[in-house]
Amino acid sequence: MVRKCRWMRGITALLVYGLFGACLAGAQELEPYLKTRAAYKIKGVTPIAALELVVGKRVLEVEGVVVGSVAVGEEQSVLMEIEPGRSIVVSIGAGHGWLTRGQVRIRAIVEVQRESALVTPTYRLLDAAFASTVAKWESQQRMHAQSTPRTPKTLTARPPSRGGSLNSRSNTLRPTPAPDWDTFRAHLHLYQPEYARFIRRCNPRLSQQQADQIAWAILRFSAHYGVDPRFIVAIVLVESGFNPDATSRKGAAGLGQLMPGTARGLGVVDPYDPIQNLHGTVKLVRGHLEKYWAQTGDPNSWEHVILTLAAYNAGSGAVRKYGGVPPYRETQDYVRKVIRIYKQLCGIRD
């Protein structure tokens, strides 16, 4: 019985030290990985659909399962399954031989090169880590962020810090006082009358109560999702002219002209209800901004704003298919019109 206890203690010690060693190895691999991630200003995983759009040279982060490897001379490559049935071949260096020892889910920072949209991209591994280790670190960062007050980023193009008040001689709206979103939320009532006046001038058929409701919803949901409300104003003005009952020939409905399927996906039960419609509209815009900001990597440029508008008008599939703004006259005119109005509202002169 004593021997059995000693034997069990021995196994327990091996397990404990084995787990400790594994954790230590994970910590050791994570630190250089995070340094590489920070060096290339990577914010998160790039979906395979975005990888397939890359032209030129980009450094991106991907996640997938290593399902196989191949060696040609001194060069080694691994096959990473990013999504079921969709894989990429990544060349690796001698320092990443551990990736060839069996199936493992990893995060990888890869250099993507593609001369044109007509050729297949190549992928070269810069660094890798266990996906579970990175996910744990990200979870800890999120918990820390939730416990620390912070202000959300405004993901629309960088407007000037000041804007004139809206009156008969001005086409500007006071800007969101980013990055002080807490102050903005606390003072929505100060912005609401100004926005309501502008909305009612755009659509004089609205009652004061309707204009107030629309203005309040735009400000409230923009503050919640961290989007410049002037950007939403420009979109809604072009989409419906602030007519809550607007319906397009294709069936798009309400202030933000949401298609029936899109509305359902956003949780909008009645697209003609201004509150529901604007909530869905701002949520959709925020999603597009995040997606294309992650893809372009520069939140202070206009590129992700333009792609957001193209996706809002023509759909993300069309943007993916053409690798940018689709060659549809309607979409191109729409993007130009919204950008022009948004710049006017921000007081930006071309």
Protein backbone atom coordinates (compact mmCIF):
# COMPACT_ATOMS: atom_id res chain seq x y z
CA MET A 1 0.00 0.00 0.00
CA VAL A 2 2.89 2.33 0.82
CA ARG A 3 4.50 1.54 -2.53
CA LYS A 4 1.23 2.34 -4.28
CA CYS A 5 1.00 5.70 -2.52
CA ARG A 6 4.59 6.53 -3.45
CA TRP A 7 3.92 5.48 -7.02
CA MET A 8 0.82 7.69 -7.12
CA ARG A 9 2.77 10.59 -5.65
CA GLY A 10 5.37 10.11 -8.34
CA ILE A 11 2.75 10.21 -11.09
CA THR A 12 1.13 13.25 -9.48
CA ALA A 13 4.48 15.03 -9.36
CA LEU A 14 5.10 14.26 -13.02
CA LEU A 15 1.69 15.61 -13.94
CA VAL A 16 2.16 18.76 -11.88
CA TYR A 17 5.63 19.45 -13.21
CA GLY A 18 4.51 18.51 -16.71
CA LEU A 19 1.63 20.98 -16.59
CA PHE A 20 3.88 23.63 -15.07
CA GLY A 21 6.39 23.04 -17.84
CA ALA A 22 3.71 23.30 -20.49
CA CYS A 23 2.44 26.57 -18.99
CA LEU A 24 5.99 27.90 -18.82
CA ALA A 25 6.60 26.93 -22.44
CA GLY A 26 3.37 28.67 -23.41
CA ALA A 27 4.45 31.81 -21.55
CA GLN A 28 7.87 31.72 -23.19
CA GLU A 29 6.38 31.40 -26.68
CA LEU A 30 3.76 34.08 -26.06
CA GLU A 31 6.13 36.92 -25.21
CA PRO A 32 8.03 36.97 -28.53
CA TYR A 33 4.77 36.40 -30.40
CA LEU A 34 3.18 39.44 -28.77
CA LYS A 35 6.27 41.50 -29.56
CA THR A 36 6.00 40.53 -33.23
CA ARG A 37 2.28 41.29 -33.13
CA ALA A 38 2.93 44.73 -31.65
CA ALA A 39 5.75 45.47 -34.09
CA TYR A 40 3.35 45.09 -37.01
CA LYS A 41 0.49 46.87 -35.17
CA ILE A 42 -1.78 43.86 -35.49
CA LYS A 43 -5.13 44.20 -33.73
CA GLY A 44 -6.71 40.82 -34.39
CA VAL A 45 -7.30 37.85 -36.65
CA THR A 46 -7.93 38.47 -40.34
CA PRO A 47 -10.69 36.30 -41.85
CA ILE A 48 -9.80 34.23 -44.90
CA ALA A 49 -12.12 36.32 -47.07
CA ALA A 50 -9.91 39.36 -46.39
CA LEU A 51 -6.75 37.33 -47.00
CA GLU A 52 -8.03 36.50 -50.45
CA LEU A 53 -8.33 40.22 -51.27
CA VAL A 54 -4.72 41.13 -50.49
CA VAL A 55 -2.70 42.55 -53.38
CA GLY A 56 0.91 43.57 -52.73
CA LYS A 57 2.60 42.76 -49.41
CA ARG A 58 0.83 42.73 -46.03
CA VAL A 59 1.54 41.26 -42.60
CA LEU A 60 -1.57 39.79 -40.99
CA GLU A 61 -2.65 37.45 -38.20
CA VAL A 62 -4.57 34.26 -38.94
CA GLU A 63 -5.88 31.40 -36.86
CA GLY A 64 -6.28 27.81 -37.95
CA VAL A 65 -5.38 24.18 -37.48
CA VAL A 66 -2.12 22.80 -38.85
CA VAL A 67 -3.33 19.66 -40.65
CA GLY A 68 -0.16 18.64 -42.49
CA SER A 69 3.33 19.57 -43.57
CA VAL A 70 5.62 19.08 -46.53
CA ALA A 71 9.37 19.50 -47.04
CA VAL A 72 11.03 20.30 -50.37
CA GLY A 73 14.77 20.26 -49.91
CA GLU A 74 15.53 22.52 -46.96
CA GLU A 75 12.24 24.39 -47.21
CA GLN A 76 9.28 23.37 -45.08
CA SER A 77 5.64 24.37 -45.32
CA VAL A 78 2.53 23.63 -43.29
CA LEU A 79 -1.08 23.39 -44.42
CA MET A 80 -3.34 25.54 -42.23
CA GLU A 81 -7.08 24.99 -42.32
CA ILE A 82 -8.55 28.44 -41.62
CA GLU A 83 -12.16 27.39 -42.16
CA PRO A 84 -13.68 24.00 -43.00
CA GLY A 85 -12.60 23.26 -46.56
CA ARG A 86 -10.50 26.45 -46.87
CA SER A 87 -6.75 26.19 -46.26
CA ILE A 88 -3.55 28.07 -46.96
CA VAL A 89 0.04 26.82 -47.40
CA VAL A 90 2.52 28.69 -45.19
CA SER A 91 6.28 28.38 -45.53
CA ILE A 92 8.07 28.13 -42.17
CA GLY A 93 11.63 28.53 -40.92
CA ALA A 94 13.78 26.16 -38.89
CA GLY A 95 12.65 27.74 -35.63
CA HIS A 96 9.09 26.60 -36.14
CA GLY A 97 9.66 22.90 -36.66
CA TRP A 98 7.28 22.19 -33.78
CA LEU A 99 4.41 22.94 -36.14
CA THR A 100 5.14 19.75 -38.09
CA ARG A 101 4.70 17.39 -35.13
CA GLY A 102 0.95 16.91 -35.30
CA GLN A 103 -2.33 18.74 -35.62
CA VAL A 104 -2.46 21.86 -33.48
CA ARG A 105 -4.54 25.05 -33.52
CA ILE A 106 -2.32 28.11 -33.76
CA ARG A 107 -2.29 31.84 -34.19
CA ALA A 108 0.16 32.82 -36.89
CA ILE A 109 1.58 36.12 -38.08
CA VAL A 110 2.17 35.72 -41.78
CA GLU A 111 3.59 37.84 -44.55
CA VAL A 112 1.21 37.72 -47.50
CA GLN A 113 2.50 38.52 -50.97
CA ARG A 114 0.45 38.74 -54.13
CA GLU A 115 1.49 40.48 -57.33
CA SER A 116 -2.04 40.85 -58.69
CA ALA A 117 -5.58 39.59 -58.22
CA LEU A 118 -4.92 37.03 -60.98
CA VAL A 119 -2.26 35.07 -59.10
CA THR A 120 -2.33 32.94 -55.95
CA PRO A 121 -0.92 34.64 -52.82
CA THR A 122 2.07 33.21 -50.98
CA TYR A 123 2.32 33.03 -47.19
CA ARG A 124 5.50 33.16 -45.09
CA LEU A 125 5.40 32.57 -41.35
CA LEU A 126 6.92 35.28 -39.17
CA ASP A 127 5.82 33.92 -35.79
CA ALA A 128 3.34 31.49 -34.26
CA ALA A 129 1.86 30.53 -30.90
CA PHE A 130 -0.76 28.16 -29.56
CA ALA A 131 -4.18 29.66 -30.23
CA SER A 132 -5.34 28.76 -26.74
CA THR A 133 -2.42 30.66 -25.18
CA VAL A 134 -3.16 33.80 -27.20
CA ALA A 135 -6.90 33.48 -26.50
CA LYS A 136 -6.22 33.29 -22.76
CA TRP A 137 -4.06 36.42 -22.93
CA GLU A 138 -6.76 38.26 -24.93
CA SER A 139 -9.37 37.21 -22.38
CA GLN A 140 -7.23 38.64 -19.59
CA GLN A 141 -6.82 41.87 -21.54
CA ARG A 142 -10.58 42.14 -22.05
CA MET A 143 -11.23 41.56 -18.35
CA HIS A 144 -8.71 44.24 -17.51
CA ALA A 145 -10.28 46.64 -20.03
CA GLN A 146 -13.76 46.01 -18.61
CA SER A 147 -12.53 46.85 -15.14
CA THR A 148 -10.86 50.04 -16.39
CA PRO A 149 -13.03 52.89 -17.75
CA ARG A 150 -12.16 53.60 -21.35
CA THR A 151 -13.58 55.47 -24.30
CA PRO A 152 -14.44 53.75 -27.58
CA LYS A 153 -12.71 54.72 -30.78
CA THR A 154 -14.48 56.80 -33.36
CA LEU A 155 -13.97 54.69 -36.46
CA THR A 156 -15.01 57.27 -39.01
CA ALA A 157 -12.47 59.51 -40.68
CA ARG A 158 -10.76 62.03 -38.48
CA PRO A 159 -12.80 65.26 -38.53
CA PRO A 160 -11.55 68.59 -37.25
CA SER A 161 -11.78 69.04 -33.50
CA ARG A 162 -14.20 71.93 -33.87
CA GLY A 163 -17.31 72.48 -35.94
CA GLY A 164 -19.61 75.46 -36.24
CA SER A 165 -23.07 75.39 -34.76
CA LEU A 166 -25.84 74.58 -37.21
CA ASN A 167 -27.81 77.57 -38.47
CA SER A 168 -29.14 78.94 -41.73
CA ARG A 169 -25.68 80.03 -42.82
CA SER A 170 -23.80 76.91 -41.74
CA ASN A 171 -23.70 73.34 -43.01
CA THR A 172 -21.74 71.92 -40.10
CA LEU A 173 -22.84 69.96 -37.08
CA ARG A 174 -20.99 70.08 -33.79
CA PRO A 175 -18.67 67.08 -33.72
CA THR A 176 -18.62 64.22 -31.30
CA PRO A 177 -16.10 65.33 -28.66
CA ALA A 178 -14.03 62.16 -29.21
CA PRO A 179 -12.27 60.65 -27.42
CA ASP A 180 -14.31 61.88 -24.44
CA TRP A 181 -17.33 59.66 -25.08
CA ASP A 182 -18.43 59.73 -21.44
CA THR A 183 -18.82 63.49 -21.62
CA PHE A 184 -20.67 63.20 -24.92
CA ARG A 185 -23.13 60.66 -23.50
CA ALA A 186 -23.75 62.86 -20.50
CA HIS A 187 -24.56 65.84 -22.71
CA LEU A 188 -26.64 64.29 -25.49
CA HIS A 189 -29.46 66.67 -24.65
CA LEU A 190 -27.24 69.61 -25.65
CA TYR A 191 -26.68 68.19 -29.14
CA GLN A 192 -30.20 66.91 -29.74
CA PRO A 193 -31.94 70.23 -30.60
CA GLU A 194 -29.25 71.09 -33.14
CA TYR A 195 -29.55 67.73 -34.87
CA ALA A 196 -33.37 67.90 -34.75
CA ARG A 197 -33.38 71.29 -36.48
CA PHE A 198 -31.14 69.99 -39.24
CA ILE A 199 -33.25 66.85 -39.71
CA ARG A 200 -36.47 68.86 -39.91
CA ARG A 201 -34.95 71.20 -42.50
CA CYS A 202 -34.06 68.13 -44.58
CA ASN A 203 -37.62 66.80 -44.26
CA PRO A 204 -40.09 69.58 -43.35
CA ARG A 205 -42.94 67.05 -43.30
CA LEU A 206 -41.68 65.68 -40.01
CA SER A 207 -43.30 66.91 -36.84
CA GLN A 208 -41.09 68.40 -34.17
CA GLN A 209 -41.69 65.27 -32.09
CA GLN A 210 -40.56 63.00 -34.94
CA ALA A 211 -37.45 65.10 -35.59
CA ASP A 212 -36.59 65.06 -31.90
CA GLN A 213 -37.04 61.27 -31.78
CA ILE A 214 -34.82 60.69 -34.82
CA ALA A 215 -32.13 63.07 -33.56
CA TRP A 216 -32.11 61.48 -30.12
CA ALA A 217 -31.89 57.96 -31.59
CA ILE A 218 -28.97 58.89 -33.88
CA LEU A 219 -27.04 60.50 -31.04
CA ARG A 220 -27.82 57.75 -28.54
CA PHE A 221 -26.94 54.81 -30.79
CA SER A 222 -23.89 56.57 -32.25
CA ALA A 223 -22.58 57.15 -28.73
CA HIS A 224 -23.30 53.53 -27.81
CA TYR A 225 -21.45 52.08 -30.82
CA GLY A 226 -18.69 54.70 -30.99
CA VAL A 227 -19.54 56.12 -34.42
CA ASP A 228 -19.51 59.79 -35.39
CA PRO A 229 -23.23 60.77 -35.48
CA ARG A 230 -22.56 63.09 -38.42
CA PHE A 231 -21.60 60.03 -40.45
CA ILE A 232 -24.94 58.42 -39.62
CA VAL A 233 -26.76 61.66 -40.49
CA ALA A 234 -25.07 61.71 -43.91
CA ILE A 235 -26.01 58.07 -44.57
CA VAL A 236 -29.65 58.47 -43.54
CA LEU A 237 -30.00 61.71 -45.51
CA VAL A 238 -28.84 60.00 -48.71
CA GLU A 239 -30.74 56.77 -48.02
CA SER A 240 -34.18 58.15 -47.21
CA GLY A 241 -34.08 61.92 -46.85
CA PHE A 242 -35.18 61.29 -43.24
CA ASN A 243 -38.45 59.73 -44.36
CA PRO A 244 -39.28 56.92 -41.90
CA ASP A 245 -41.80 55.45 -44.37
CA ALA A 246 -39.42 55.31 -47.36
CA THR A 247 -39.46 52.07 -49.37
CA SER A 248 -37.21 51.33 -52.32
CA ARG A 249 -38.09 49.34 -55.44
CA LYS A 250 -35.96 46.51 -54.08
CA GLY A 251 -37.78 46.45 -50.73
CA ALA A 252 -35.35 48.41 -48.56
CA ALA A 253 -37.29 50.08 -45.78
CA GLY A 254 -37.17 52.94 -43.34
CA LEU A 255 -34.68 55.64 -42.47
CA GLY A 256 -31.59 53.53 -43.11
CA GLN A 257 -33.18 51.61 -46.00
CA LEU A 258 -32.57 48.20 -44.50
CA MET A 259 -33.27 45.17 -46.68
CA PRO A 260 -35.68 42.65 -45.07
CA GLY A 261 -33.04 39.96 -44.52
CA THR A 262 -30.53 42.46 -43.16
CA ALA A 263 -33.14 43.92 -40.82
CA ARG A 264 -33.98 40.48 -39.44
CA GLY A 265 -30.31 39.70 -38.90
CA LEU A 266 -29.94 42.92 -36.93
CA GLY A 267 -32.95 42.14 -34.75
CA VAL A 268 -35.15 44.80 -36.36
CA VAL A 269 -38.76 43.63 -36.18
CA ASP A 270 -40.36 46.75 -37.69
CA PRO A 271 -38.01 48.57 -40.09
CA TYR A 272 -40.46 51.48 -40.32
CA ASP A 273 -40.08 52.19 -36.63
CA PRO A 274 -37.43 54.96 -36.44
CA ILE A 275 -35.89 53.70 -33.21
CA GLN A 276 -35.55 50.08 -34.37
CA ASN A 277 -34.33 51.11 -37.82
CA LEU A 278 -31.69 53.52 -36.55
CA HIS A 279 -30.43 51.01 -34.01
CA GLY A 280 -29.99 48.47 -36.80
CA THR A 281 -28.44 51.05 -39.11
CA VAL A 282 -25.81 52.24 -36.63
CA LYS A 283 -25.04 48.68 -35.58
CA LEU A 284 -24.56 47.66 -39.23
CA VAL A 285 -22.35 50.68 -39.96
CA ARG A 286 -20.21 49.96 -36.89
CA GLY A 287 -19.76 46.35 -38.01
CA HIS A 288 -18.62 47.42 -41.47
CA LEU A 289 -16.26 50.04 -40.04
CA GLU A 290 -14.62 47.51 -37.74
CA LYS A 291 -14.30 44.95 -40.52
CA TYR A 292 -12.68 47.27 -43.04
CA TRP A 293 -10.61 49.08 -40.42
CA ALA A 294 -9.10 45.71 -39.49
CA GLN A 295 -8.55 44.98 -43.16
CA THR A 296 -6.91 48.28 -44.07
CA GLY A 297 -5.15 48.77 -40.73
CA ASP A 298 -5.41 52.57 -40.67
CA PRO A 299 -8.33 54.04 -38.69
CA ASN A 300 -7.31 57.58 -39.64
CA SER A 301 -7.62 57.14 -43.41
CA TRP A 302 -10.74 57.34 -45.55
CA GLU A 303 -10.28 53.87 -47.06
CA HIS A 304 -12.27 51.92 -44.48
CA VAL A 305 -14.99 54.61 -44.55
CA ILE A 306 -15.32 54.27 -48.32
CA LEU A 307 -15.43 50.47 -48.14
CA THR A 308 -18.05 50.71 -45.39
CA LEU A 309 -20.29 52.81 -47.60
CA ALA A 310 -19.75 50.49 -50.57
CA ALA A 311 -20.70 47.48 -48.44
CA TYR A 312 -23.73 49.28 -47.00
CA ASN A 313 -25.00 50.04 -50.50
CA ALA A 314 -23.96 46.98 -52.51
CA GLY A 315 -23.24 44.36 -49.84
CA SER A 316 -20.03 42.95 -48.41
CA GLY A 317 -20.06 40.20 -51.03
CA ALA A 318 -19.76 42.72 -53.86
CA VAL A 319 -16.89 44.51 -52.09
CA ARG A 320 -15.14 41.17 -51.59
CA LYS A 321 -15.75 40.14 -55.21
CA TYR A 322 -14.26 43.29 -56.70
CA GLY A 323 -11.64 43.93 -54.03
CA GLY A 324 -13.01 47.40 -53.28
CA VAL A 325 -15.84 49.64 -54.39
CA PRO A 326 -17.85 47.64 -56.99
CA PRO A 327 -18.01 49.08 -60.52
CA TYR A 328 -21.70 49.88 -60.11
CA ARG A 329 -22.60 53.45 -61.01
CA GLU A 330 -25.22 53.57 -58.26
CA THR A 331 -22.74 52.48 -55.59
CA GLN A 332 -19.98 54.80 -56.77
CA ASP A 333 -22.37 57.77 -56.84
CA TYR A 334 -23.69 56.80 -53.42
CA VAL A 335 -20.22 56.70 -51.87
CA ARG A 336 -19.29 60.08 -53.35
CA LYS A 337 -22.54 61.67 -52.20
CA VAL A 338 -22.33 60.44 -48.60
CA ILE A 339 -18.65 61.41 -48.31
CA ARG A 340 -19.42 64.89 -49.67
CA ILE A 341 -22.25 65.44 -47.19
CA TYR A 342 -20.23 64.02 -44.30
CA LYS A 343 -17.35 66.38 -45.07
CA GLN A 344 -19.77 69.31 -45.18
CA LEU A 345 -21.21 68.33 -41.81
CA CYS A 346 -17.68 68.15 -40.41
CA GLY A 347 -16.72 71.51 -41.91
CA ILE A 348 -14.08 69.90 -44.16
CA ARG A 349 -13.33 71.72 -47.39
CA ASP A 350 -11.81 69.79 -50.27
